[in-house]
Amino acid sequence: MVTLTEQNKSIAMRFAQDGWGTNPNWKQTWDELMSADVVYHFNSTAEPIVGLEANKAFNEDLFQGFPDIHQALEDVIAEGDKVVYRTTIQGTHTGQFLGAAPTGKPVKVNDFTLLRISNHKIVEWWYECNLLEVMQQLGLV
């Protein structure tokens, strides 16, 4: 018998892989895995991004800045309704990113994602990476 923790870990891993923004079908994966009112806490910003469609638009903008970006899954921890994973992401800044014009420079950083899953849907999402490090690698700070 599959435990709730194992089910949630499976959902999180599918999100991490199939829901990655350079995957051509990522939006369909998000439709399947996220609740319509998902709450996204991006890099400790004061206000979360609420709702599936708002999150799709935000994600699309992020990935336009690094169309070749890829991730390597490093660690996964799951307990109850929460799953945390750490990845190393790297790509080249060839598009608009958070208001910054393309620099053509490569970036490599570690990041953390924590997902809260309820009734087989991602209902809350925390994401943290060192954006200062990203901006330094791009020569913008």
Protein backbone atom coordinates (compact mmCIF):
# COMPACT_ATOMS: atom_id res chain seq x y z
CA MET A 1 0.00 0.00 0.00
CA VAL A 2 1.32 3.42 -1.01
CA THR A 3 1.49 5.92 1.85
CA LEU A 4 0.31 9.53 1.65
CA THR A 5 3.93 10.67 1.94
CA GLU A 6 4.94 8.47 -1.03
CA GLN A 7 1.99 9.77 -3.09
CA ASN A 8 2.93 13.36 -2.32
CA LYS A 9 6.59 12.73 -3.15
CA SER A 10 5.51 11.27 -6.50
CA ILE A 11 3.40 14.37 -7.24
CA ALA A 12 6.29 16.66 -6.30
CA MET A 13 8.76 14.76 -8.49
CA ARG A 14 6.38 14.92 -11.44
CA PHE A 15 6.03 18.67 -10.86
CA ALA A 16 9.82 19.07 -10.68
CA GLN A 17 10.39 17.15 -13.90
CA ASP A 18 7.33 17.44 -16.15
CA GLY A 19 6.31 20.85 -14.77
CA TRP A 20 9.74 22.39 -15.42
CA GLY A 21 9.30 25.56 -17.50
CA THR A 22 11.36 24.40 -20.48
CA ASN A 23 9.28 21.23 -20.87
CA PRO A 24 6.88 21.87 -23.80
CA ASN A 25 3.89 20.47 -21.83
CA TRP A 26 4.59 22.14 -18.46
CA LYS A 27 1.28 24.05 -18.42
CA GLN A 28 -0.71 20.83 -18.84
CA THR A 29 1.24 19.29 -15.97
CA TRP A 30 0.46 22.31 -13.80
CA ASP A 31 -3.25 22.01 -14.70
CA GLU A 32 -3.17 18.41 -13.48
CA LEU A 33 -1.09 18.90 -10.34
CA MET A 34 -1.95 22.35 -8.94
CA SER A 35 -5.07 23.61 -7.26
CA ALA A 36 -6.82 26.52 -9.00
CA ASP A 37 -6.07 28.74 -5.99
CA VAL A 38 -2.45 27.66 -5.40
CA VAL A 39 -0.39 30.10 -3.32
CA TYR A 40 3.22 30.68 -4.42
CA HIS A 41 5.80 32.29 -2.12
CA PHE A 42 8.63 33.32 -4.47
CA ASN A 43 11.95 34.19 -2.79
CA SER A 44 10.41 35.55 0.41
CA THR A 45 8.47 38.31 -1.37
CA ALA A 46 5.97 40.10 0.86
CA GLU A 47 2.97 39.11 -1.25
CA PRO A 48 2.48 35.62 -2.65
CA ILE A 49 1.27 34.95 -6.18
CA VAL A 50 -2.21 33.46 -5.88
CA GLY A 51 -4.02 31.34 -8.45
CA LEU A 52 -2.97 28.88 -11.11
CA GLU A 53 -3.24 31.26 -14.07
CA ALA A 54 -1.27 34.05 -12.34
CA ASN A 55 1.44 31.51 -11.48
CA LYS A 56 1.61 30.22 -15.05
CA ALA A 57 2.11 33.78 -16.34
CA PHE A 58 4.83 34.46 -13.74
CA ASN A 59 6.63 31.18 -14.52
CA GLU A 60 6.49 31.84 -18.25
CA ASP A 61 8.18 35.22 -17.72
CA LEU A 62 10.94 33.67 -15.59
CA PHE A 63 11.79 31.00 -18.14
CA GLN A 64 11.91 33.50 -21.04
CA GLY A 65 15.07 34.88 -19.46
CA PHE A 66 16.82 31.49 -19.49
CA PRO A 67 15.31 29.34 -22.27
CA ASP A 68 18.13 26.76 -21.96
CA ILE A 69 17.95 26.48 -18.17
CA HIS A 70 18.04 23.00 -16.69
CA GLN A 71 18.04 21.56 -13.22
CA ALA A 72 19.74 18.66 -11.49
CA LEU A 73 17.80 17.18 -8.60
CA GLU A 74 20.12 16.86 -5.59
CA ASP A 75 17.96 16.00 -2.53
CA VAL A 76 14.34 15.14 -1.77
CA ILE A 77 12.69 14.96 1.65
CA ALA A 78 9.02 14.13 2.13
CA GLU A 79 6.89 13.96 5.24
CA GLY A 80 3.11 14.00 5.43
CA ASP A 81 1.66 16.75 3.24
CA LYS A 82 5.04 18.44 2.54
CA VAL A 83 7.85 17.67 0.10
CA VAL A 84 11.13 19.61 -0.09
CA TYR A 85 13.67 19.26 -2.85
CA ARG A 86 16.95 20.96 -3.66
CA THR A 87 18.25 21.37 -7.16
CA THR A 88 21.16 22.96 -8.94
CA ILE A 89 19.96 25.12 -11.81
CA GLN A 90 22.02 26.55 -14.61
CA GLY A 91 21.39 28.32 -17.86
CA THR A 92 22.29 31.29 -20.02
CA HIS A 93 20.61 34.68 -19.69
CA THR A 94 19.45 35.26 -23.27
CA GLY A 95 16.04 36.83 -22.60
CA GLN A 96 14.32 39.38 -20.36
CA PHE A 97 14.49 38.29 -16.69
CA LEU A 98 12.85 40.18 -13.80
CA GLY A 99 13.23 43.43 -15.73
CA ALA A 100 16.86 42.82 -16.74
CA ALA A 101 17.86 42.84 -20.41
CA PRO A 102 19.75 39.77 -21.68
CA THR A 103 23.43 39.64 -20.71
CA GLY A 104 24.40 36.40 -22.49
CA LYS A 105 26.07 35.25 -19.27
CA PRO A 106 25.73 31.81 -17.67
CA VAL A 107 24.26 31.33 -14.20
CA LYS A 108 24.54 28.40 -11.80
CA VAL A 109 22.87 28.37 -8.36
CA ASN A 110 21.23 26.03 -5.87
CA ASP A 111 17.58 26.40 -4.98
CA PHE A 112 14.99 24.92 -2.66
CA THR A 113 11.32 24.14 -3.26
CA LEU A 114 8.79 23.20 -0.60
CA LEU A 115 5.37 22.01 -1.72
CA ARG A 116 2.29 21.44 0.43
CA ILE A 117 -0.04 18.94 -1.16
CA SER A 118 -3.68 18.32 -0.29
CA ASN A 119 -6.05 15.90 -2.05
CA HIS A 120 -3.41 15.15 -4.73
CA LYS A 121 -3.00 18.85 -5.63
CA ILE A 122 -0.24 21.34 -4.88
CA VAL A 123 -1.94 24.00 -2.77
CA GLU A 124 1.06 25.94 -1.50
CA TRP A 125 4.56 26.43 -2.91
CA TRP A 126 7.65 28.05 -1.44
CA TYR A 127 10.69 28.69 -3.62
CA GLU A 128 14.03 30.10 -2.54
CA CYS A 129 17.22 30.77 -4.45
CA ASN A 130 19.89 33.39 -3.91
CA LEU A 131 18.74 36.06 -6.39
CA LEU A 132 21.61 38.31 -5.30
CA GLU A 133 24.03 35.59 -6.44
CA VAL A 134 22.14 35.31 -9.75
CA MET A 135 22.36 39.06 -10.30
CA GLN A 136 26.07 39.06 -9.38
CA GLN A 137 26.79 36.26 -11.87
CA LEU A 138 24.95 38.28 -14.52
CA GLY A 139 27.06 41.35 -13.68
CA LEU A 140 23.95 43.35 -12.76
CA VAL A 141 24.97 44.08 -9.16
